[in-house]
Amino acid sequence: MKHVAVVVALMAAFVIGSKLVVENLLGIALEPMVLQWMSTAGVGTATAVVLLLAADIVLPVPSSIVMVLSGAAFGVVKGAAVALIGSVAGEWLGFEVVRRYGRRASRTLVSDDDLARFDAIFRRHGAVAVVVTRALPVVMETMSLVAGLMQMPRATFLGASILGTAPIVLVYAWAGARSRDTGSLVPAVIMLLAVAGLGWVLYRSRISATRP
């Protein structure tokens, strides 16, 4: 827990410092821009959130930020639901493409070295590895591809993906909604980084550290 607190504190300091630099030195007001966008959210915004999260498997989309914005735009329940649909869709897309086309497809998305490293983790932990890595950008996508390569049963992958993703999108949606209510995006971004930091610590201590 001590390491978790250090990671969270460092991330929070980085976020606050970056915000001060952007707003005070560059003169760019971030919060009014985002809050105005959230006030006009509708079907188009929900569709954009789903498509962005689904595209995360092939594009460098900041998925956790998109999940926070979904909560800020639609509230906790609806925001989490929209984010869950998009995130699981992206995970499922990567899983199905690689499950069907094998390493020929996986090489266009991730390096062979990363596949080999996460392949060992998947063989040891199976569905648990899928659940735990949902909180980790990049690792999440790679583990989905590995699950597809290993021909994991579709129902098992979908269940593990939903189980691991649902709590994350709910926390992010709450953080986004809370930030909208308070008129400040700082709490949401700190929560975003805190969840990612905690997920990384758990991954390192419970999954990665137990590799054969």
C-alpha atoms as a PDB file:
ATOM      1  CA  MET A   1       0.000   0.000   0.000  1.00  0.00           C
ATOM      2  CA  LYS A   2       2.904   2.333   0.615  1.00  0.00           C
ATOM      3  CA  HIS A   3       4.039   1.957  -2.988  1.00  0.00           C
ATOM      4  CA  VAL A   4       0.505   2.606  -4.212  1.00  0.00           C
ATOM      5  CA  ALA A   5       0.307   5.842  -2.214  1.00  0.00           C
ATOM      6  CA  VAL A   6       3.629   7.028  -3.632  1.00  0.00           C
ATOM      7  CA  VAL A   7       2.539   6.307  -7.206  1.00  0.00           C
ATOM      8  CA  VAL A   8      -0.779   8.103  -6.721  1.00  0.00           C
ATOM      9  CA  ALA A   9       0.871  11.105  -5.083  1.00  0.00           C
ATOM     10  CA  LEU A  10       3.425  11.467  -7.860  1.00  0.00           C
ATOM     11  CA  MET A  11       0.774  11.188 -10.545  1.00  0.00           C
ATOM     12  CA  ALA A  12      -1.459  13.730  -8.821  1.00  0.00           C
ATOM     13  CA  ALA A  13       1.449  16.180  -8.562  1.00  0.00           C
ATOM     14  CA  PHE A  14       2.219  15.699 -12.244  1.00  0.00           C
ATOM     15  CA  VAL A  15      -1.392  16.344 -13.290  1.00  0.00           C
ATOM     16  CA  ILE A  16      -1.769  19.472 -11.177  1.00  0.00           C
ATOM     17  CA  GLY A  17       1.606  20.796 -12.330  1.00  0.00           C
ATOM     18  CA  SER A  18       0.777  20.173 -15.980  1.00  0.00           C
ATOM     19  CA  LYS A  19      -2.544  21.944 -15.614  1.00  0.00           C
ATOM     20  CA  LEU A  20      -0.876  24.994 -14.062  1.00  0.00           C
ATOM     21  CA  VAL A  21       1.674  25.145 -16.864  1.00  0.00           C
ATOM     22  CA  VAL A  22      -0.927  24.907 -19.617  1.00  0.00           C
ATOM     23  CA  GLU A  23      -3.307  27.439 -18.085  1.00  0.00           C
ATOM     24  CA  ASN A  24      -0.947  29.924 -16.441  1.00  0.00           C
ATOM     25  CA  LEU A  25       2.018  29.882 -18.809  1.00  0.00           C
ATOM     26  CA  LEU A  26       0.351  29.100 -22.125  1.00  0.00           C
ATOM     27  CA  GLY A  27      -2.888  30.915 -21.333  1.00  0.00           C
ATOM     28  CA  ILE A  28      -5.110  28.027 -22.453  1.00  0.00           C
ATOM     29  CA  ALA A  29      -8.257  27.584 -20.353  1.00  0.00           C
ATOM     30  CA  LEU A  30      -8.900  23.855 -20.461  1.00  0.00           C
ATOM     31  CA  GLU A  31     -11.877  23.479 -18.152  1.00  0.00           C
ATOM     32  CA  PRO A  32     -14.290  25.937 -19.867  1.00  0.00           C
ATOM     33  CA  MET A  33     -13.636  24.235 -23.214  1.00  0.00           C
ATOM     34  CA  VAL A  34     -14.372  20.763 -21.899  1.00  0.00           C
ATOM     35  CA  LEU A  35     -17.326  21.828 -19.772  1.00  0.00           C
ATOM     36  CA  GLN A  36     -18.948  23.541 -22.746  1.00  0.00           C
ATOM     37  CA  TRP A  37     -18.540  20.390 -24.806  1.00  0.00           C
ATOM     38  CA  MET A  38     -20.145  18.306 -22.036  1.00  0.00           C
ATOM     39  CA  SER A  39     -23.155  20.615 -21.762  1.00  0.00           C
ATOM     40  CA  THR A  40     -24.171  19.834 -25.372  1.00  0.00           C
ATOM     41  CA  ALA A  41     -23.674  16.057 -25.144  1.00  0.00           C
ATOM     42  CA  GLY A  42     -26.216  13.860 -26.899  1.00  0.00           C
ATOM     43  CA  VAL A  43     -26.496  10.849 -29.178  1.00  0.00           C
ATOM     44  CA  GLY A  44     -23.634  12.089 -31.326  1.00  0.00           C
ATOM     45  CA  THR A  45     -21.376  12.399 -28.302  1.00  0.00           C
ATOM     46  CA  ALA A  46     -22.290   8.904 -27.084  1.00  0.00           C
ATOM     47  CA  THR A  47     -21.568   7.498 -30.531  1.00  0.00           C
ATOM     48  CA  ALA A  48     -18.210   9.286 -30.592  1.00  0.00           C
ATOM     49  CA  VAL A  49     -17.314   7.853 -27.168  1.00  0.00           C
ATOM     50  CA  VAL A  50     -18.159   4.308 -28.270  1.00  0.00           C
ATOM     51  CA  LEU A  51     -16.236   4.631 -31.546  1.00  0.00           C
ATOM     52  CA  LEU A  52     -13.185   6.159 -29.877  1.00  0.00           C
ATOM     53  CA  LEU A  53     -13.019   3.417 -27.263  1.00  0.00           C
ATOM     54  CA  ALA A  54     -13.610   0.711 -29.859  1.00  0.00           C
ATOM     55  CA  ALA A  55     -10.806   2.147 -32.012  1.00  0.00           C
ATOM     56  CA  ASP A  56      -8.389   2.008 -29.089  1.00  0.00           C
ATOM     57  CA  ILE A  57      -7.264  -1.431 -30.215  1.00  0.00           C
ATOM     58  CA  VAL A  58      -5.637   0.071 -33.340  1.00  0.00           C
ATOM     59  CA  LEU A  59      -5.239   3.776 -32.516  1.00  0.00           C
ATOM     60  CA  PRO A  60      -3.485   5.551 -29.604  1.00  0.00           C
ATOM     61  CA  VAL A  61      -6.742   6.725 -28.023  1.00  0.00           C
ATOM     62  CA  PRO A  62      -6.481   7.945 -24.389  1.00  0.00           C
ATOM     63  CA  SER A  63      -9.271   5.577 -23.379  1.00  0.00           C
ATOM     64  CA  SER A  64      -9.304   6.380 -19.668  1.00  0.00           C
ATOM     65  CA  ILE A  65      -9.763  10.092 -20.397  1.00  0.00           C
ATOM     66  CA  VAL A  66     -12.604   9.281 -22.791  1.00  0.00           C
ATOM     67  CA  MET A  67     -14.277   7.232 -20.032  1.00  0.00           C
ATOM     68  CA  VAL A  68     -14.009  10.153 -17.608  1.00  0.00           C
ATOM     69  CA  LEU A  69     -15.520  12.510 -20.171  1.00  0.00           C
ATOM     70  CA  SER A  70     -18.330  10.032 -20.771  1.00  0.00           C
ATOM     71  CA  GLY A  71     -19.245  10.199 -17.091  1.00  0.00           C
ATOM     72  CA  ALA A  72     -19.012  13.978 -17.117  1.00  0.00           C
ATOM     73  CA  ALA A  73     -21.274  14.184 -20.142  1.00  0.00           C
ATOM     74  CA  PHE A  74     -23.926  11.591 -19.265  1.00  0.00           C
ATOM     75  CA  GLY A  75     -23.683  10.991 -15.522  1.00  0.00           C
ATOM     76  CA  VAL A  76     -22.519   7.936 -13.620  1.00  0.00           C
ATOM     77  CA  VAL A  77     -24.888   5.225 -14.868  1.00  0.00           C
ATOM     78  CA  LYS A  78     -25.315   6.269 -18.501  1.00  0.00           C
ATOM     79  CA  GLY A  79     -21.721   7.384 -18.805  1.00  0.00           C
ATOM     80  CA  ALA A  80     -20.441   4.071 -17.471  1.00  0.00           C
ATOM     81  CA  ALA A  81     -22.779   2.135 -19.773  1.00  0.00           C
ATOM     82  CA  VAL A  82     -21.631   4.025 -22.865  1.00  0.00           C
ATOM     83  CA  ALA A  83     -17.978   3.589 -21.910  1.00  0.00           C
ATOM     84  CA  LEU A  84     -18.470  -0.106 -21.156  1.00  0.00           C
ATOM     85  CA  ILE A  85     -19.993  -0.730 -24.579  1.00  0.00           C
ATOM     86  CA  GLY A  86     -17.167   1.043 -26.379  1.00  0.00           C
ATOM     87  CA  SER A  87     -14.358  -0.452 -24.329  1.00  0.00           C
ATOM     88  CA  VAL A  88     -15.582  -4.039 -24.509  1.00  0.00           C
ATOM     89  CA  ALA A  89     -16.265  -3.594 -28.238  1.00  0.00           C
ATOM     90  CA  GLY A  90     -12.635  -2.626 -28.795  1.00  0.00           C
ATOM     91  CA  GLU A  91     -11.354  -5.512 -26.711  1.00  0.00           C
ATOM     92  CA  TRP A  92     -13.682  -7.909 -28.530  1.00  0.00           C
ATOM     93  CA  LEU A  93     -12.612  -6.584 -31.939  1.00  0.00           C
ATOM     94  CA  GLY A  94      -8.940  -7.219 -31.253  1.00  0.00           C
ATOM     95  CA  PHE A  95      -9.711 -10.636 -29.789  1.00  0.00           C
ATOM     96  CA  GLU A  96     -11.786 -11.745 -32.785  1.00  0.00           C
ATOM     97  CA  VAL A  97      -9.423 -10.448 -35.472  1.00  0.00           C
ATOM     98  CA  VAL A  98      -6.413 -12.220 -33.972  1.00  0.00           C
ATOM     99  CA  ARG A  99      -8.409 -15.334 -33.111  1.00  0.00           C
ATOM    100  CA  ARG A 100      -9.374 -15.611 -36.781  1.00  0.00           C
ATOM    101  CA  TYR A 101      -6.190 -14.511 -38.560  1.00  0.00           C
ATOM    102  CA  GLY A 102      -3.509 -15.444 -36.015  1.00  0.00           C
ATOM    103  CA  ARG A 103      -0.041 -13.941 -35.785  1.00  0.00           C
ATOM    104  CA  ARG A 104      -0.264 -12.387 -39.212  1.00  0.00           C
ATOM    105  CA  ALA A 105      -2.846  -9.991 -37.833  1.00  0.00           C
ATOM    106  CA  SER A 106      -1.306  -9.611 -34.389  1.00  0.00           C
ATOM    107  CA  ARG A 107       2.024  -8.427 -35.812  1.00  0.00           C
ATOM    108  CA  THR A 108       0.323  -5.353 -37.244  1.00  0.00           C
ATOM    109  CA  LEU A 109      -0.867  -4.361 -33.755  1.00  0.00           C
ATOM    110  CA  VAL A 110       1.874  -5.417 -31.327  1.00  0.00           C
ATOM    111  CA  SER A 111       5.466  -6.625 -31.419  1.00  0.00           C
ATOM    112  CA  ASP A 112       6.411 -10.298 -31.206  1.00  0.00           C
ATOM    113  CA  ASP A 113       8.423  -9.590 -28.048  1.00  0.00           C
ATOM    114  CA  ASP A 114       5.372  -8.185 -26.252  1.00  0.00           C
ATOM    115  CA  LEU A 115       3.257 -11.094 -27.421  1.00  0.00           C
ATOM    116  CA  ALA A 116       5.785 -13.593 -26.109  1.00  0.00           C
ATOM    117  CA  ARG A 117       6.010 -11.824 -22.744  1.00  0.00           C
ATOM    118  CA  PHE A 118       2.254 -11.654 -22.201  1.00  0.00           C
ATOM    119  CA  ASP A 119       1.741 -15.111 -23.656  1.00  0.00           C
ATOM    120  CA  ALA A 120       3.655 -16.545 -20.676  1.00  0.00           C
ATOM    121  CA  ILE A 121       1.499 -14.551 -18.262  1.00  0.00           C
ATOM    122  CA  PHE A 122      -1.702 -15.656 -19.980  1.00  0.00           C
ATOM    123  CA  ARG A 123      -0.710 -19.324 -19.939  1.00  0.00           C
ATOM    124  CA  ARG A 124      -0.166 -19.128 -16.186  1.00  0.00           C
ATOM    125  CA  HIS A 125      -3.186 -17.026 -15.159  1.00  0.00           C
ATOM    126  CA  GLY A 126      -5.739 -17.330 -17.981  1.00  0.00           C
ATOM    127  CA  ALA A 127      -8.939 -15.361 -17.462  1.00  0.00           C
ATOM    128  CA  VAL A 128      -7.558 -13.729 -14.295  1.00  0.00           C
ATOM    129  CA  ALA A 129      -4.886 -12.018 -16.381  1.00  0.00           C
ATOM    130  CA  VAL A 130      -7.586 -10.611 -18.672  1.00  0.00           C
ATOM    131  CA  VAL A 131      -9.554  -9.260 -15.706  1.00  0.00           C
ATOM    132  CA  VAL A 132      -6.592  -7.663 -13.933  1.00  0.00           C
ATOM    133  CA  THR A 133      -5.126  -5.980 -17.017  1.00  0.00           C
ATOM    134  CA  ARG A 134      -8.324  -4.133 -17.975  1.00  0.00           C
ATOM    135  CA  ALA A 135      -7.125  -1.139 -15.942  1.00  0.00           C
ATOM    136  CA  LEU A 136      -3.830  -0.866 -17.826  1.00  0.00           C
ATOM    137  CA  PRO A 137      -3.576   0.990 -21.149  1.00  0.00           C
ATOM    138  CA  VAL A 138      -1.590  -0.897 -23.817  1.00  0.00           C
ATOM    139  CA  VAL A 139      -1.336  -3.992 -21.591  1.00  0.00           C
ATOM    140  CA  MET A 140      -5.118  -4.380 -21.852  1.00  0.00           C
ATOM    141  CA  GLU A 141      -5.047  -4.388 -25.650  1.00  0.00           C
ATOM    142  CA  THR A 142      -2.088  -6.749 -25.804  1.00  0.00           C
ATOM    143  CA  MET A 143      -3.709  -9.233 -23.422  1.00  0.00           C
ATOM    144  CA  SER A 144      -6.853  -9.232 -25.573  1.00  0.00           C
ATOM    145  CA  LEU A 145      -4.749 -10.145 -28.588  1.00  0.00           C
ATOM    146  CA  VAL A 146      -2.950 -12.886 -26.661  1.00  0.00           C
ATOM    147  CA  ALA A 147      -6.298 -14.316 -25.559  1.00  0.00           C
ATOM    148  CA  GLY A 148      -7.352 -14.444 -29.191  1.00  0.00           C
ATOM    149  CA  LEU A 149      -4.126 -16.121 -30.268  1.00  0.00           C
ATOM    150  CA  MET A 150      -4.552 -18.724 -27.523  1.00  0.00           C
ATOM    151  CA  GLN A 151      -8.068 -19.475 -28.785  1.00  0.00           C
ATOM    152  CA  MET A 152      -9.648 -18.623 -25.449  1.00  0.00           C
ATOM    153  CA  PRO A 153     -13.371 -19.498 -25.504  1.00  0.00           C
ATOM    154  CA  ARG A 154     -15.408 -16.468 -26.563  1.00  0.00           C
ATOM    155  CA  ALA A 155     -17.763 -16.648 -23.592  1.00  0.00           C
ATOM    156  CA  THR A 156     -14.841 -16.809 -21.173  1.00  0.00           C
ATOM    157  CA  PHE A 157     -13.114 -13.813 -22.744  1.00  0.00           C
ATOM    158  CA  LEU A 158     -16.291 -11.755 -22.853  1.00  0.00           C
ATOM    159  CA  GLY A 159     -17.089 -12.541 -19.220  1.00  0.00           C
ATOM    160  CA  ALA A 160     -13.543 -11.715 -18.078  1.00  0.00           C
ATOM    161  CA  SER A 161     -13.506  -8.547 -20.152  1.00  0.00           C
ATOM    162  CA  ILE A 162     -16.794  -7.282 -18.732  1.00  0.00           C
ATOM    163  CA  LEU A 163     -15.845  -8.285 -15.193  1.00  0.00           C
ATOM    164  CA  GLY A 164     -12.585  -6.386 -15.373  1.00  0.00           C
ATOM    165  CA  THR A 165     -13.862  -3.373 -17.305  1.00  0.00           C
ATOM    166  CA  ALA A 166     -17.168  -2.659 -15.528  1.00  0.00           C
ATOM    167  CA  PRO A 167     -15.690  -1.437 -12.203  1.00  0.00           C
ATOM    168  CA  ILE A 168     -13.189   0.745 -14.048  1.00  0.00           C
ATOM    169  CA  VAL A 169     -15.723   2.532 -16.244  1.00  0.00           C
ATOM    170  CA  LEU A 170     -17.961   3.008 -13.203  1.00  0.00           C
ATOM    171  CA  VAL A 171     -15.174   4.681 -11.212  1.00  0.00           C
ATOM    172  CA  TYR A 172     -14.180   6.856 -14.151  1.00  0.00           C
ATOM    173  CA  ALA A 173     -17.793   7.819 -14.829  1.00  0.00           C
ATOM    174  CA  TRP A 174     -18.254   8.776 -11.185  1.00  0.00           C
ATOM    175  CA  ALA A 175     -15.075  10.853 -11.314  1.00  0.00           C
ATOM    176  CA  GLY A 176     -16.246  12.592 -14.467  1.00  0.00           C
ATOM    177  CA  ALA A 177     -19.700  13.311 -13.068  1.00  0.00           C
ATOM    178  CA  ARG A 178     -18.181  14.589  -9.839  1.00  0.00           C
ATOM    179  CA  SER A 179     -15.866  16.901 -11.718  1.00  0.00           C
ATOM    180  CA  ARG A 180     -18.767  18.325 -13.674  1.00  0.00           C
ATOM    181  CA  ASP A 181     -20.705  18.989 -10.462  1.00  0.00           C
ATOM    182  CA  THR A 182     -17.751  20.727  -8.831  1.00  0.00           C
ATOM    183  CA  GLY A 183     -16.733  22.597 -11.982  1.00  0.00           C
ATOM    184  CA  SER A 184     -13.172  21.256 -11.874  1.00  0.00           C
ATOM    185  CA  LEU A 185     -11.525  18.526 -13.931  1.00  0.00           C
ATOM    186  CA  VAL A 186      -8.618  18.056 -11.541  1.00  0.00           C
ATOM    187  CA  PRO A 187     -10.357  15.466  -9.287  1.00  0.00           C
ATOM    188  CA  ALA A 188     -11.298  13.389 -12.332  1.00  0.00           C
ATOM    189  CA  VAL A 189      -7.805  13.360 -13.762  1.00  0.00           C
ATOM    190  CA  ILE A 190      -6.297  12.490 -10.389  1.00  0.00           C
ATOM    191  CA  MET A 191      -8.765   9.608 -10.035  1.00  0.00           C
ATOM    192  CA  LEU A 192      -7.930   8.504 -13.563  1.00  0.00           C
ATOM    193  CA  LEU A 193      -4.235   8.293 -12.834  1.00  0.00           C
ATOM    194  CA  ALA A 194      -4.789   6.795  -9.397  1.00  0.00           C
ATOM    195  CA  VAL A 195      -6.783   3.887 -10.847  1.00  0.00           C
ATOM    196  CA  ALA A 196      -4.171   3.290 -13.534  1.00  0.00           C
ATOM    197  CA  GLY A 197      -1.407   3.448 -10.924  1.00  0.00           C
ATOM    198  CA  LEU A 198      -3.180   1.021  -8.612  1.00  0.00           C
ATOM    199  CA  GLY A 199      -3.874  -1.317 -11.516  1.00  0.00           C
ATOM    200  CA  TRP A 200      -0.218  -1.282 -12.482  1.00  0.00           C
ATOM    201  CA  VAL A 201       0.932  -2.024  -8.932  1.00  0.00           C
ATOM    202  CA  LEU A 202      -1.519  -4.928  -8.649  1.00  0.00           C
ATOM    203  CA  TYR A 203      -0.427  -6.243 -12.012  1.00  0.00           C
ATOM    204  CA  ARG A 204       3.244  -6.092 -11.079  1.00  0.00           C
ATOM    205  CA  SER A 205       2.742  -7.661  -7.661  1.00  0.00           C
ATOM    206  CA  ARG A 206       0.103 -10.286  -8.430  1.00  0.00           C
ATOM    207  CA  ILE A 207       0.551 -11.208 -12.095  1.00  0.00           C
ATOM    208  CA  SER A 208       3.843 -10.105 -13.634  1.00  0.00           C
ATOM    209  CA  ALA A 209       5.905 -11.010 -10.570  1.00  0.00           C
ATOM    210  CA  THR A 210       4.688 -14.610 -10.694  1.00  0.00           C
ATOM    211  CA  ARG A 211       5.865 -15.357 -14.194  1.00  0.00           C
ATOM    212  CA  PRO A 212       7.795 -18.616 -14.469  1.00  0.00           C
END
